Amino acid sequence: MELVGVGLVKMMELVGVEQSADSSYSVMEKWMGAEGLDKNVFTACADSDTYFKIKNKLDMMETLMKEIEIREKKRMAQRLEEKAE
């Protein structure tokens, strides 16, 4: 069961469970424990940690790319304005 935690995080998203690393642990313990799949909860939590770290990095990269795009559009507008004068 590789990356079962990532699948659980996606399932949590689909059923409306809050999506944060801290809040997902209690739900994972319940789902992975004796009441649920009866599997090792630590593996699932480690997988979810990996998921949230990567997701955070992707969100930061998306923000950075948007900032770069805005900066380039401003530069292009400034160059066009200078050419018009």
PDB file of N, CA and C in Angstrom:
ATOM      1  N   MET A   1       0.843  -1.187   0.000  1.00  0.00           N
ATOM      2  CA  MET A   1       0.000   0.000   0.000  1.00  0.00           C
ATOM      3  C   MET A   1       0.879   1.238   0.000  1.00  0.00           C
ATOM      4  N   GLU A   2       1.375   1.588  -1.160  1.00  0.00           N
ATOM      5  CA  GLU A   2       2.218   2.771  -1.257  1.00  0.00           C
ATOM      6  C   GLU A   2       1.377   4.032  -1.350  1.00  0.00           C
ATOM      7  N   LEU A   3       1.787   5.045  -0.622  1.00  0.00           N
ATOM      8  CA  LEU A   3       1.155   6.357  -0.611  1.00  0.00           C
ATOM      9  C   LEU A   3      -0.342   6.299  -0.347  1.00  0.00           C
ATOM     10  N   VAL A   4      -0.742   5.411   0.529  1.00  0.00           N
ATOM     11  CA  VAL A   4      -2.159   5.300   0.879  1.00  0.00           C
ATOM     12  C   VAL A   4      -2.654   6.589   1.530  1.00  0.00           C
ATOM     13  N   GLY A   5      -1.763   7.291   2.201  1.00  0.00           N
ATOM     14  CA  GLY A   5      -2.138   8.554   2.842  1.00  0.00           C
ATOM     15  C   GLY A   5      -2.564   9.601   1.846  1.00  0.00           C
ATOM     16  N   VAL A   6      -1.938   9.621   0.678  1.00  0.00           N
ATOM     17  CA  VAL A   6      -2.299  10.583  -0.359  1.00  0.00           C
ATOM     18  C   VAL A   6      -3.720  10.292  -0.841  1.00  0.00           C
ATOM     19  N   GLY A   7      -4.030   9.022  -1.020  1.00  0.00           N
ATOM     20  CA  GLY A   7      -5.384   8.648  -1.414  1.00  0.00           C
ATOM     21  C   GLY A   7      -6.405   9.027  -0.355  1.00  0.00           C
ATOM     22  N   LEU A   8      -6.032   8.849   0.907  1.00  0.00           N
ATOM     23  CA  LEU A   8      -6.943   9.228   1.988  1.00  0.00           C
ATOM     24  C   LEU A   8      -7.166  10.734   2.023  1.00  0.00           C
ATOM     25  N   VAL A   9      -6.113  11.501   1.758  1.00  0.00           N
ATOM     26  CA  VAL A   9      -6.258  12.959   1.728  1.00  0.00           C
ATOM     27  C   VAL A   9      -7.232  13.350   0.614  1.00  0.00           C
ATOM     28  N   LYS A  10      -7.108  12.707  -0.539  1.00  0.00           N
ATOM     29  CA  LYS A  10      -8.028  12.991  -1.644  1.00  0.00           C
ATOM     30  C   LYS A  10      -9.454  12.605  -1.274  1.00  0.00           C
ATOM     31  N   MET A  11      -9.611  11.465  -0.609  1.00  0.00           N
ATOM     32  CA  MET A  11     -10.946  11.055  -0.166  1.00  0.00           C
ATOM     33  C   MET A  11     -11.513  12.058   0.834  1.00  0.00           C
ATOM     34  N   MET A  12     -10.664  12.564   1.726  1.00  0.00           N
ATOM     35  CA  MET A  12     -11.110  13.560   2.695  1.00  0.00           C
ATOM     36  C   MET A  12     -11.600  14.811   1.974  1.00  0.00           C
ATOM     37  N   GLU A  13     -10.875  15.203   0.945  1.00  0.00           N
ATOM     38  CA  GLU A  13     -11.264  16.370   0.156  1.00  0.00           C
ATOM     39  C   GLU A  13     -12.642  16.142  -0.475  1.00  0.00           C
ATOM     40  N   LEU A  14     -12.858  14.949  -1.018  1.00  0.00           N
ATOM     41  CA  LEU A  14     -14.119  14.648  -1.693  1.00  0.00           C
ATOM     42  C   LEU A  14     -15.318  14.619  -0.745  1.00  0.00           C
ATOM     43  N   VAL A  15     -15.084  14.207   0.497  1.00  0.00           N
ATOM     44  CA  VAL A  15     -16.198  14.138   1.450  1.00  0.00           C
ATOM     45  C   VAL A  15     -16.315  15.390   2.319  1.00  0.00           C
ATOM     46  N   GLY A  16     -15.434  16.363   2.107  1.00  0.00           N
ATOM     47  CA  GLY A  16     -15.563  17.648   2.779  1.00  0.00           C
ATOM     48  C   GLY A  16     -14.832  17.799   4.091  1.00  0.00           C
ATOM     49  N   VAL A  17     -13.834  16.957   4.350  1.00  0.00           N
ATOM     50  CA  VAL A  17     -13.023  17.095   5.565  1.00  0.00           C
ATOM     51  C   VAL A  17     -12.014  18.220   5.339  1.00  0.00           C
ATOM     52  N   GLU A  18     -11.783  19.020   6.376  1.00  0.00           N
ATOM     53  CA  GLU A  18     -10.848  20.141   6.278  1.00  0.00           C
ATOM     54  C   GLU A  18      -9.486  19.668   5.779  1.00  0.00           C
ATOM     55  N   GLN A  19      -8.896  20.412   4.865  1.00  0.00           N
ATOM     56  CA  GLN A  19      -7.644  20.024   4.244  1.00  0.00           C
ATOM     57  C   GLN A  19      -6.452  20.757   4.848  1.00  0.00           C
ATOM     58  N   SER A  20      -5.926  20.229   5.929  1.00  0.00           N
ATOM     59  CA  SER A  20      -4.681  20.738   6.499  1.00  0.00           C
ATOM     60  C   SER A  20      -3.961  19.566   7.144  1.00  0.00           C
ATOM     61  N   ALA A  21      -2.654  19.692   7.241  1.00  0.00           N
ATOM     62  CA  ALA A  21      -1.853  18.600   7.789  1.00  0.00           C
ATOM     63  C   ALA A  21      -2.274  18.266   9.222  1.00  0.00           C
ATOM     64  N   ASP A  22      -2.525  19.280  10.021  1.00  0.00           N
ATOM     65  CA  ASP A  22      -2.861  19.045  11.427  1.00  0.00           C
ATOM     66  C   ASP A  22      -4.234  18.403  11.608  1.00  0.00           C
ATOM     67  N   SER A  23      -5.213  18.886  10.875  1.00  0.00           N
ATOM     68  CA  SER A  23      -6.575  18.380  11.074  1.00  0.00           C
ATOM     69  C   SER A  23      -6.787  17.005  10.447  1.00  0.00           C
ATOM     70  N   SER A  24      -5.967  16.642   9.491  1.00  0.00           N
ATOM     71  CA  SER A  24      -6.177  15.363   8.808  1.00  0.00           C
ATOM     72  C   SER A  24      -5.707  14.164   9.644  1.00  0.00           C
ATOM     73  N   TYR A  25      -4.834  14.379  10.614  1.00  0.00           N
ATOM     74  CA  TYR A  25      -4.303  13.263  11.405  1.00  0.00           C
ATOM     75  C   TYR A  25      -5.387  12.510  12.168  1.00  0.00           C
ATOM     76  N   SER A  26      -6.281  13.254  12.809  1.00  0.00           N
ATOM     77  CA  SER A  26      -7.311  12.582  13.604  1.00  0.00           C
ATOM     78  C   SER A  26      -8.240  11.755  12.718  1.00  0.00           C
ATOM     79  N   VAL A  27      -8.555  12.278  11.541  1.00  0.00           N
ATOM     80  CA  VAL A  27      -9.412  11.542  10.613  1.00  0.00           C
ATOM     81  C   VAL A  27      -8.677  10.305  10.100  1.00  0.00           C
ATOM     82  N   MET A  28      -7.394  10.460   9.787  1.00  0.00           N
ATOM     83  CA  MET A  28      -6.606   9.314   9.311  1.00  0.00           C
ATOM     84  C   MET A  28      -6.509   8.227  10.372  1.00  0.00           C
ATOM     85  N   GLU A  29      -6.323   8.638  11.628  1.00  0.00           N
ATOM     86  CA  GLU A  29      -6.263   7.652  12.708  1.00  0.00           C
ATOM     87  C   GLU A  29      -7.551   6.848  12.777  1.00  0.00           C
ATOM     88  N   LYS A  30      -8.667   7.542  12.607  1.00  0.00           N
ATOM     89  CA  LYS A  30      -9.958   6.859  12.659  1.00  0.00           C
ATOM     90  C   LYS A  30     -10.137   5.937  11.454  1.00  0.00           C
ATOM     91  N   TRP A  31      -9.843   6.438  10.267  1.00  0.00           N
ATOM     92  CA  TRP A  31     -10.039   5.663   9.033  1.00  0.00           C
ATOM     93  C   TRP A  31      -9.067   4.494   8.930  1.00  0.00           C
ATOM     94  N   MET A  32      -7.832   4.684   9.381  1.00  0.00           N
ATOM     95  CA  MET A  32      -6.820   3.637   9.263  1.00  0.00           C
ATOM     96  C   MET A  32      -6.841   2.671  10.447  1.00  0.00           C
ATOM     97  N   GLY A  33      -7.432   3.075  11.565  1.00  0.00           N
ATOM     98  CA  GLY A  33      -7.435   2.257  12.774  1.00  0.00           C
ATOM     99  C   GLY A  33      -8.409   1.094  12.714  1.00  0.00           C
ATOM    100  N   ALA A  34      -8.692   0.565  13.891  1.00  0.00           N
ATOM    101  CA  ALA A  34      -9.553  -0.620  14.008  1.00  0.00           C
ATOM    102  C   ALA A  34     -10.960  -0.366  13.486  1.00  0.00           C
ATOM    103  N   GLU A  35     -11.413   0.897  13.535  1.00  0.00           N
ATOM    104  CA  GLU A  35     -12.746   1.228  13.037  1.00  0.00           C
ATOM    105  C   GLU A  35     -12.817   1.236  11.514  1.00  0.00           C
ATOM    106  N   GLY A  36     -11.649   1.328  10.880  1.00  0.00           N
ATOM    107  CA  GLY A  36     -11.629   1.463   9.427  1.00  0.00           C
ATOM    108  C   GLY A  36     -10.878   0.344   8.743  1.00  0.00           C
ATOM    109  N   LEU A  37      -9.751   0.692   8.153  1.00  0.00           N
ATOM    110  CA  LEU A  37      -8.975  -0.259   7.353  1.00  0.00           C
ATOM    111  C   LEU A  37      -8.096  -1.186   8.182  1.00  0.00           C
ATOM    112  N   ASP A  38      -7.910  -0.864   9.440  1.00  0.00           N
ATOM    113  CA  ASP A  38      -7.067  -1.653  10.339  1.00  0.00           C
ATOM    114  C   ASP A  38      -5.644  -1.797   9.797  1.00  0.00           C
ATOM    115  N   LYS A  39      -5.067  -0.675   9.380  1.00  0.00           N
ATOM    116  CA  LYS A  39      -3.695  -0.632   8.847  1.00  0.00           C
ATOM    117  C   LYS A  39      -2.866   0.355   9.659  1.00  0.00           C
ATOM    118  N   ASN A  40      -1.571   0.429   9.360  1.00  0.00           N
ATOM    119  CA  ASN A  40      -0.635   1.293  10.077  1.00  0.00           C
ATOM    120  C   ASN A  40      -0.931   2.764   9.784  1.00  0.00           C
ATOM    121  N   VAL A  41      -1.307   3.489  10.815  1.00  0.00           N
ATOM    122  CA  VAL A  41      -1.656   4.896  10.661  1.00  0.00           C
ATOM    123  C   VAL A  41      -0.418   5.761  10.417  1.00  0.00           C
ATOM    124  N   PHE A  42       0.740   5.335  10.920  1.00  0.00           N
ATOM    125  CA  PHE A  42       1.953   6.148  10.778  1.00  0.00           C
ATOM    126  C   PHE A  42       2.382   6.276   9.322  1.00  0.00           C
ATOM    127  N   THR A  43       2.227   5.209   8.558  1.00  0.00           N
ATOM    128  CA  THR A  43       2.561   5.261   7.137  1.00  0.00           C
ATOM    129  C   THR A  43       1.651   6.242   6.417  1.00  0.00           C
ATOM    130  N   ALA A  44       0.375   6.187   6.712  1.00  0.00           N
ATOM    131  CA  ALA A  44      -0.573   7.098   6.075  1.00  0.00           C
ATOM    132  C   ALA A  44      -0.287   8.543   6.450  1.00  0.00           C
ATOM    133  N   CYS A  45       0.065   8.794   7.696  1.00  0.00           N
ATOM    134  CA  CYS A  45       0.380  10.156   8.133  1.00  0.00           C
ATOM    135  C   CYS A  45       1.657  10.662   7.470  1.00  0.00           C
ATOM    136  N   ALA A  46       2.643   9.800   7.325  1.00  0.00           N
ATOM    137  CA  ALA A  46       3.882  10.181   6.642  1.00  0.00           C
ATOM    138  C   ALA A  46       3.591  10.508   5.173  1.00  0.00           C
ATOM    139  N   ASP A  47       2.738   9.705   4.545  1.00  0.00           N
ATOM    140  CA  ASP A  47       2.347   9.979   3.156  1.00  0.00           C
ATOM    141  C   ASP A  47       1.626  11.310   3.045  1.00  0.00           C
ATOM    142  N   SER A  48       0.738  11.579   3.997  1.00  0.00           N
ATOM    143  CA  SER A  48      -0.004  12.840   3.939  1.00  0.00           C
ATOM    144  C   SER A  48       0.927  14.021   4.189  1.00  0.00           C
ATOM    145  N   ASP A  49       1.931  13.847   5.053  1.00  0.00           N
ATOM    146  CA  ASP A  49       2.930  14.903   5.253  1.00  0.00           C
ATOM    147  C   ASP A  49       3.624  15.223   3.940  1.00  0.00           C
ATOM    148  N   THR A  50       4.029  14.180   3.229  1.00  0.00           N
ATOM    149  CA  THR A  50       4.672  14.364   1.929  1.00  0.00           C
ATOM    150  C   THR A  50       3.750  15.114   0.982  1.00  0.00           C
ATOM    151  N   TYR A  51       2.489  14.715   0.945  1.00  0.00           N
ATOM    152  CA  TYR A  51       1.505  15.354   0.074  1.00  0.00           C
ATOM    153  C   TYR A  51       1.380  16.842   0.393  1.00  0.00           C
ATOM    154  N   PHE A  52       1.215  17.178   1.678  1.00  0.00           N
ATOM    155  CA  PHE A  52       1.017  18.578   2.050  1.00  0.00           C
ATOM    156  C   PHE A  52       2.269  19.417   1.810  1.00  0.00           C
ATOM    157  N   LYS A  53       3.456  18.840   2.003  1.00  0.00           N
ATOM    158  CA  LYS A  53       4.692  19.569   1.720  1.00  0.00           C
ATOM    159  C   LYS A  53       4.815  19.876   0.237  1.00  0.00           C
ATOM    160  N   ILE A  54       4.541  18.871  -0.600  1.00  0.00           N
ATOM    161  CA  ILE A  54       4.631  19.073  -2.046  1.00  0.00           C
ATOM    162  C   ILE A  54       3.559  20.049  -2.515  1.00  0.00           C
ATOM    163  N   LYS A  55       2.353  19.920  -1.980  1.00  0.00           N
ATOM    164  CA  LYS A  55       1.263  20.823  -2.360  1.00  0.00           C
ATOM    165  C   LYS A  55       1.614  22.256  -1.986  1.00  0.00           C
ATOM    166  N   ASN A  56       2.205  22.447  -0.814  1.00  0.00           N
ATOM    167  CA  ASN A  56       2.609  23.781  -0.384  1.00  0.00           C
ATOM    168  C   ASN A  56       3.650  24.373  -1.339  1.00  0.00           C
ATOM    169  N   LYS A  57       4.623  23.551  -1.744  1.00  0.00           N
ATOM    170  CA  LYS A  57       5.643  24.026  -2.677  1.00  0.00           C
ATOM    171  C   LYS A  57       5.028  24.382  -4.027  1.00  0.00           C
ATOM    172  N   LEU A  58       4.096  23.571  -4.502  1.00  0.00           N
ATOM    173  CA  LEU A  58       3.428  23.861  -5.768  1.00  0.00           C
ATOM    174  C   LEU A  58       2.614  25.145  -5.686  1.00  0.00           C
ATOM    175  N   ASP A  59       1.941  25.367  -4.570  1.00  0.00           N
ATOM    176  CA  ASP A  59       1.182  26.606  -4.381  1.00  0.00           C
ATOM    177  C   ASP A  59       2.107  27.816  -4.394  1.00  0.00           C
ATOM    178  N   MET A  60       3.275  27.681  -3.744  1.00  0.00           N
ATOM    179  CA  MET A  60       4.239  28.786  -3.734  1.00  0.00           C
ATOM    180  C   MET A  60       4.771  29.048  -5.142  1.00  0.00           C
ATOM    181  N   MET A  61       5.030  27.987  -5.897  1.00  0.00           N
ATOM    182  CA  MET A  61       5.516  28.150  -7.267  1.00  0.00           C
ATOM    183  C   MET A  61       4.458  28.814  -8.145  1.00  0.00           C
ATOM    184  N   GLU A  62       3.203  28.446  -7.949  1.00  0.00           N
ATOM    185  CA  GLU A  62       2.124  29.054  -8.719  1.00  0.00           C
ATOM    186  C   GLU A  62       2.041  30.552  -8.429  1.00  0.00           C
ATOM    187  N   THR A  63       2.155  30.909  -7.159  1.00  0.00           N
ATOM    188  CA  THR A  63       2.141  32.313  -6.771  1.00  0.00           C
ATOM    189  C   THR A  63       3.317  33.055  -7.388  1.00  0.00           C
ATOM    190  N   LEU A  64       4.493  32.442  -7.341  1.00  0.00           N
ATOM    191  CA  LEU A  64       5.684  33.050  -7.922  1.00  0.00           C
ATOM    192  C   LEU A  64       5.520  33.261  -9.421  1.00  0.00           C
ATOM    193  N   MET A  65       4.976  32.260 -10.118  1.00  0.00           N
ATOM    194  CA  MET A  65       4.779  32.391 -11.567  1.00  0.00           C
ATOM    195  C   MET A  65       3.788  33.509 -11.893  1.00  0.00           C
ATOM    196  N   LYS A  66       2.745  33.654 -11.092  1.00  0.00           N
ATOM    197  CA  LYS A  66       1.784  34.739 -11.311  1.00  0.00           C
ATOM    198  C   LYS A  66       2.443  36.093 -11.096  1.00  0.00           C
ATOM    199  N   GLU A  67       3.279  36.194 -10.062  1.00  0.00           N
ATOM    200  CA  GLU A  67       3.987  37.445  -9.795  1.00  0.00           C
ATOM    201  C   GLU A  67       4.924  37.794 -10.944  1.00  0.00           C
ATOM    202  N   ILE A  68       5.617  36.795 -11.469  1.00  0.00           N
ATOM    203  CA  ILE A  68       6.526  37.027 -12.602  1.00  0.00           C
ATOM    204  C   ILE A  68       5.731  37.473 -13.829  1.00  0.00           C
ATOM    205  N   GLU A  69       4.610  36.837 -14.077  1.00  0.00           N
ATOM    206  CA  GLU A  69       3.771  37.196 -15.224  1.00  0.00           C
ATOM    207  C   GLU A  69       3.275  38.637 -15.107  1.00  0.00           C
ATOM    208  N   ILE A  70       2.849  39.032 -13.922  1.00  0.00           N
ATOM    209  CA  ILE A  70       2.382  40.404 -13.702  1.00  0.00           C
ATOM    210  C   ILE A  70       3.517  41.389 -13.918  1.00  0.00           C
ATOM    211  N   ARG A  71       4.702  41.063 -13.382  1.00  0.00           N
ATOM    212  CA  ARG A  71       5.863  41.937 -13.532  1.00  0.00           C
ATOM    213  C   ARG A  71       6.221  42.114 -15.012  1.00  0.00           C
ATOM    214  N   GLU A  72       6.198  41.019 -15.773  1.00  0.00           N
ATOM    215  CA  GLU A  72       6.525  41.085 -17.202  1.00  0.00           C
ATOM    216  C   GLU A  72       5.489  41.892 -17.984  1.00  0.00           C
ATOM    217  N   LYS A  73       4.235  41.760 -17.626  1.00  0.00           N
ATOM    218  CA  LYS A  73       3.199  42.546 -18.297  1.00  0.00           C
ATOM    219  C   LYS A  73       3.369  44.025 -18.011  1.00  0.00           C
ATOM    220  N   LYS A  74       3.756  44.365 -16.789  1.00  0.00           N
ATOM    221  CA  LYS A  74       4.003  45.765 -16.451  1.00  0.00           C
ATOM    222  C   LYS A  74       5.189  46.306 -17.251  1.00  0.00           C
ATOM    223  N   ARG A  75       6.241  45.508 -17.375  1.00  0.00           N
ATOM    224  CA  ARG A  75       7.404  45.934 -18.159  1.00  0.00           C
ATOM    225  C   ARG A  75       7.041  46.132 -19.621  1.00  0.00           C
ATOM    226  N   MET A  76       6.240  45.209 -20.166  1.00  0.00           N
ATOM    227  CA  MET A  76       5.827  45.315 -21.560  1.00  0.00           C
ATOM    228  C   MET A  76       4.974  46.562 -21.765  1.00  0.00           C
ATOM    229  N   ALA A  77       4.085  46.848 -20.839  1.00  0.00           N
ATOM    230  CA  ALA A  77       3.244  48.039 -20.943  1.00  0.00           C
ATOM    231  C   ALA A  77       4.094  49.309 -20.874  1.00  0.00           C
ATOM    232  N   GLN A  78       5.112  49.278 -20.010  1.00  0.00           N
ATOM    233  CA  GLN A  78       5.993  50.433 -19.886  1.00  0.00           C
ATOM    234  C   GLN A  78       6.783  50.643 -21.181  1.00  0.00           C
ATOM    235  N   ARG A  79       7.281  49.548 -21.787  1.00  0.00           N
ATOM    236  CA  ARG A  79       8.010  49.672 -23.047  1.00  0.00           C
ATOM    237  C   ARG A  79       7.118  50.199 -24.161  1.00  0.00           C
ATOM    238  N   LEU A  80       5.887  49.721 -24.237  1.00  0.00           N
ATOM    239  CA  LEU A  80       4.954  50.206 -25.252  1.00  0.00           C
ATOM    240  C   LEU A  80       4.631  51.673 -25.033  1.00  0.00           C
ATOM    241  N   GLU A  81       4.521  52.074 -23.793  1.00  0.00           N
ATOM    242  CA  GLU A  81       4.251  53.474 -23.475  1.00  0.00           C
ATOM    243  C   GLU A  81       5.425  54.354 -23.892  1.00  0.00           C
ATOM    244  N   GLU A  82       6.644  53.861 -23.643  1.00  0.00           N
ATOM    245  CA  GLU A  82       7.830  54.624 -24.035  1.00  0.00           C
ATOM    246  C   GLU A  82       7.931  54.737 -25.548  1.00  0.00           C
ATOM    247  N   LYS A  83       7.576  53.702 -26.277  1.00  0.00           N
ATOM    248  CA  LYS A  83       7.596  53.738 -27.744  1.00  0.00           C
ATOM    249  C   LYS A  83       6.555  54.708 -28.266  1.00  0.00           C
ATOM    250  N   ALA A  84       5.424  54.805 -27.603  1.00  0.00           N
ATOM    251  CA  ALA A  84       4.340  55.687 -28.053  1.00  0.00           C
ATOM    252  C   ALA A  84       4.692  57.150 -27.880  1.00  0.00           C
ATOM    253  N   GLU A  85       5.585  57.456 -26.957  1.00  0.00           N
ATOM    254  CA  GLU A  85       5.959  58.858 -26.698  1.00  0.00           C
ATOM    255  C   GLU A  85       6.946  59.345 -27.680  1.00  0.00           C
TER     256      GLU A  85
END
